[in-house]
Amino acid sequence: MKYRAVIKQSDGWWIGWLIDLPGVNAQERTKQKLVESLQIGAQEMLATQVPFEPGTSMALIDVPVSAWFGEQGLTPQAA
């Protein structure tokens, strides 16, 4: 699966977070290490058991890529 990440360099550190998985963020000295940390954080979050109340369920929904990317002249890029 692919998730959108915001990645930037600030004061000698690479910082980033996953837009699609709130709470997954990292700070590392290199961009490569940052991406690895975000991947690990995403894996750990997705592996976490989520308790459900009786009568509830989890569903996967398919959401097309937003037209916003095209309007802004942006294209999703690999990190």
N, C-alpha and C. Protein backbone atom coordinates (compact mmCIF):
# COMPACT_ATOMS: atom_id res chain seq x y z
N MET A 1 0.85 -1.18 0.00
CA MET A 1 0.00 0.00 0.00
C MET A 1 0.88 1.23 0.00
N LYS A 2 0.35 2.29 -0.52
CA LYS A 2 1.08 3.55 -0.55
C LYS A 2 0.31 4.58 0.28
N TYR A 3 1.06 5.40 0.99
CA TYR A 3 0.48 6.46 1.80
C TYR A 3 1.18 7.77 1.47
N ARG A 4 0.44 8.86 1.54
CA ARG A 4 1.02 10.17 1.27
C ARG A 4 1.85 10.63 2.47
N ALA A 5 3.07 11.08 2.19
CA ALA A 5 3.97 11.56 3.24
C ALA A 5 4.37 13.00 2.95
N VAL A 6 4.42 13.79 3.98
CA VAL A 6 4.99 15.13 3.90
C VAL A 6 6.41 14.99 4.45
N ILE A 7 7.39 15.38 3.66
CA ILE A 7 8.79 15.24 4.05
C ILE A 7 9.51 16.56 3.79
N LYS A 8 10.28 17.00 4.78
CA LYS A 8 11.06 18.22 4.58
C LYS A 8 12.29 18.19 5.47
N GLN A 9 13.26 19.02 5.09
CA GLN A 9 14.47 19.14 5.88
C GLN A 9 14.39 20.42 6.70
N SER A 10 14.78 20.31 7.97
CA SER A 10 14.71 21.46 8.87
C SER A 10 15.86 21.39 9.87
N ASP A 11 16.71 22.40 9.86
CA ASP A 11 17.82 22.50 10.81
C ASP A 11 18.66 21.23 10.88
N GLY A 12 19.00 20.67 9.73
CA GLY A 12 19.86 19.49 9.69
C GLY A 12 19.16 18.17 9.92
N TRP A 13 17.86 18.20 10.13
CA TRP A 13 17.07 16.98 10.33
C TRP A 13 16.08 16.82 9.20
N TRP A 14 15.73 15.59 8.90
CA TRP A 14 14.62 15.29 8.00
C TRP A 14 13.43 14.96 8.87
N ILE A 15 12.31 15.62 8.62
CA ILE A 15 11.10 15.36 9.38
C ILE A 15 9.98 15.00 8.41
N GLY A 16 9.05 14.19 8.87
CA GLY A 16 7.96 13.81 8.01
C GLY A 16 6.82 13.16 8.77
N TRP A 17 5.69 13.08 8.11
CA TRP A 17 4.52 12.44 8.68
C TRP A 17 3.64 11.93 7.55
N LEU A 18 2.82 10.95 7.88
CA LEU A 18 1.91 10.37 6.90
C LEU A 18 0.55 11.04 7.04
N ILE A 19 0.10 11.62 5.97
CA ILE A 19 -1.19 12.31 5.98
C ILE A 19 -2.32 11.31 6.21
N ASP A 20 -2.19 10.14 5.61
CA ASP A 20 -3.27 9.15 5.65
C ASP A 20 -3.31 8.33 6.93
N LEU A 21 -2.27 8.40 7.74
CA LEU A 21 -2.23 7.68 9.01
C LEU A 21 -1.82 8.66 10.11
N PRO A 22 -2.78 9.44 10.61
CA PRO A 22 -2.45 10.41 11.65
C PRO A 22 -1.74 9.74 12.83
N GLY A 23 -0.70 10.38 13.29
CA GLY A 23 0.07 9.84 14.41
C GLY A 23 1.36 9.17 13.97
N VAL A 24 1.50 8.89 12.67
CA VAL A 24 2.75 8.32 12.17
C VAL A 24 3.63 9.47 11.71
N ASN A 25 4.69 9.72 12.48
CA ASN A 25 5.63 10.79 12.14
C ASN A 25 7.02 10.37 12.58
N ALA A 26 8.03 11.04 12.07
CA ALA A 26 9.40 10.68 12.41
C ALA A 26 10.33 11.86 12.16
N GLN A 27 11.52 11.75 12.75
CA GLN A 27 12.59 12.73 12.58
C GLN A 27 13.89 11.96 12.53
N GLU A 28 14.66 12.14 11.46
CA GLU A 28 15.92 11.42 11.28
C GLU A 28 16.95 12.33 10.63
N ARG A 29 18.21 11.90 10.67
CA ARG A 29 19.30 12.69 10.09
C ARG A 29 19.38 12.58 8.58
N THR A 30 18.86 11.47 8.01
CA THR A 30 18.89 11.31 6.55
C THR A 30 17.48 11.07 6.04
N LYS A 31 17.27 11.41 4.77
CA LYS A 31 15.97 11.19 4.15
C LYS A 31 15.65 9.70 4.08
N GLN A 32 16.64 8.89 3.73
CA GLN A 32 16.43 7.45 3.63
C GLN A 32 15.99 6.87 4.98
N LYS A 33 16.65 7.27 6.05
CA LYS A 33 16.30 6.78 7.39
C LYS A 33 14.91 7.26 7.78
N LEU A 34 14.56 8.48 7.40
CA LEU A 34 13.23 9.01 7.69
C LEU A 34 12.16 8.14 7.01
N VAL A 35 12.36 7.84 5.74
CA VAL A 35 11.38 7.02 5.02
C VAL A 35 11.26 5.65 5.69
N GLU A 36 12.39 5.06 6.08
CA GLU A 36 12.36 3.77 6.77
C GLU A 36 11.57 3.87 8.08
N SER A 37 11.79 4.94 8.84
CA SER A 37 11.08 5.13 10.10
C SER A 37 9.58 5.30 9.89
N LEU A 38 9.20 6.03 8.83
CA LEU A 38 7.78 6.19 8.51
C LEU A 38 7.16 4.85 8.11
N GLN A 39 7.92 4.05 7.37
CA GLN A 39 7.42 2.73 6.98
C GLN A 39 7.19 1.85 8.21
N ILE A 40 8.14 1.84 9.13
CA ILE A 40 8.01 1.06 10.36
C ILE A 40 6.83 1.56 11.18
N GLY A 41 6.70 2.87 11.31
CA GLY A 41 5.59 3.44 12.06
C GLY A 41 4.25 3.06 11.47
N ALA A 42 4.16 3.06 10.14
CA ALA A 42 2.91 2.68 9.47
C ALA A 42 2.61 1.20 9.71
N GLN A 43 3.63 0.35 9.58
CA GLN A 43 3.44 -1.07 9.81
C GLN A 43 2.95 -1.34 11.23
N GLU A 44 3.57 -0.67 12.20
CA GLU A 44 3.18 -0.86 13.60
C GLU A 44 1.75 -0.38 13.85
N MET A 45 1.40 0.76 13.27
CA MET A 45 0.05 1.28 13.47
C MET A 45 -0.98 0.33 12.86
N LEU A 46 -0.71 -0.15 11.65
CA LEU A 46 -1.66 -1.02 10.97
C LEU A 46 -1.77 -2.39 11.64
N ALA A 47 -0.73 -2.81 12.37
CA ALA A 47 -0.76 -4.09 13.07
C ALA A 47 -1.45 -4.01 14.42
N THR A 48 -1.72 -2.79 14.88
CA THR A 48 -2.34 -2.60 16.19
C THR A 48 -3.79 -3.09 16.17
N GLN A 49 -4.14 -3.91 17.14
CA GLN A 49 -5.51 -4.38 17.26
C GLN A 49 -6.41 -3.23 17.70
N VAL A 50 -7.52 -3.09 17.01
CA VAL A 50 -8.48 -2.02 17.32
C VAL A 50 -9.73 -2.67 17.91
N PRO A 51 -10.06 -2.34 19.15
CA PRO A 51 -11.26 -2.93 19.74
C PRO A 51 -12.52 -2.30 19.14
N PHE A 52 -13.52 -3.11 18.92
CA PHE A 52 -14.78 -2.64 18.37
C PHE A 52 -15.91 -2.94 19.33
N GLU A 53 -16.86 -2.05 19.37
CA GLU A 53 -18.07 -2.28 20.16
C GLU A 53 -18.94 -3.29 19.41
N PRO A 54 -19.77 -4.03 20.12
CA PRO A 54 -20.68 -4.97 19.45
C PRO A 54 -21.54 -4.24 18.41
N GLY A 55 -21.72 -4.88 17.28
CA GLY A 55 -22.56 -4.30 16.23
C GLY A 55 -21.82 -3.38 15.28
N THR A 56 -20.50 -3.23 15.46
CA THR A 56 -19.73 -2.40 14.54
C THR A 56 -18.85 -3.28 13.67
N SER A 57 -18.39 -2.74 12.57
CA SER A 57 -17.50 -3.50 11.70
C SER A 57 -16.51 -2.55 11.05
N MET A 58 -15.50 -3.12 10.42
CA MET A 58 -14.52 -2.32 9.70
C MET A 58 -14.71 -2.58 8.21
N ALA A 59 -14.60 -1.54 7.42
CA ALA A 59 -14.76 -1.68 5.98
C ALA A 59 -13.62 -0.97 5.27
N LEU A 60 -13.22 -1.50 4.14
CA LEU A 60 -12.24 -0.83 3.27
C LEU A 60 -13.03 -0.13 2.18
N ILE A 61 -12.69 1.12 1.93
CA ILE A 61 -13.36 1.87 0.87
C ILE A 61 -12.31 2.33 -0.12
N ASP A 62 -12.67 2.39 -1.37
CA ASP A 62 -11.77 2.85 -2.43
C ASP A 62 -12.09 4.30 -2.73
N VAL A 63 -11.08 5.15 -2.62
CA VAL A 63 -11.25 6.58 -2.87
C VAL A 63 -10.34 6.96 -4.03
N PRO A 64 -10.89 7.47 -5.13
CA PRO A 64 -10.05 7.86 -6.27
C PRO A 64 -9.11 9.01 -5.90
N VAL A 65 -8.01 9.12 -6.63
CA VAL A 65 -7.08 10.22 -6.41
C VAL A 65 -7.82 11.53 -6.62
N SER A 66 -7.61 12.46 -5.73
CA SER A 66 -8.30 13.74 -5.77
C SER A 66 -7.90 14.57 -6.99
N ALA A 67 -8.85 15.28 -7.53
CA ALA A 67 -8.57 16.19 -8.64
C ALA A 67 -7.68 17.33 -8.17
N TRP A 68 -7.58 17.52 -6.87
CA TRP A 68 -6.76 18.59 -6.31
C TRP A 68 -5.33 18.52 -6.82
N PHE A 69 -4.79 17.32 -6.96
CA PHE A 69 -3.41 17.18 -7.44
C PHE A 69 -3.27 17.85 -8.80
N GLY A 70 -4.18 17.55 -9.72
CA GLY A 70 -4.10 18.12 -11.05
C GLY A 70 -4.30 19.62 -11.06
N GLU A 71 -5.22 20.11 -10.23
CA GLU A 71 -5.50 21.55 -10.16
C GLU A 71 -4.29 22.34 -9.68
N GLN A 72 -3.50 21.74 -8.81
CA GLN A 72 -2.33 22.41 -8.26
C GLN A 72 -1.07 22.15 -9.09
N GLY A 73 -1.22 21.37 -10.17
CA GLY A 73 -0.05 21.04 -10.98
C GLY A 73 0.88 20.06 -10.28
N LEU A 74 0.35 19.30 -9.33
CA LEU A 74 1.15 18.36 -8.56
C LEU A 74 0.89 16.93 -9.00
N THR A 75 1.89 16.09 -8.80
CA THR A 75 1.70 14.67 -8.99
C THR A 75 2.31 13.97 -7.79
N PRO A 76 1.66 12.92 -7.29
CA PRO A 76 2.25 12.18 -6.17
C PRO A 76 3.59 11.61 -6.58
N GLN A 77 4.58 11.68 -5.70
CA GLN A 77 5.92 11.20 -5.99
C GLN A 77 6.36 10.18 -4.95
N ALA A 78 7.18 9.26 -5.36
CA ALA A 78 7.77 8.31 -4.42
C ALA A 78 8.81 9.05 -3.59
N ALA A 79 8.94 8.67 -2.34
CA ALA A 79 9.90 9.34 -1.46
C ALA A 79 11.32 8.95 -1.75
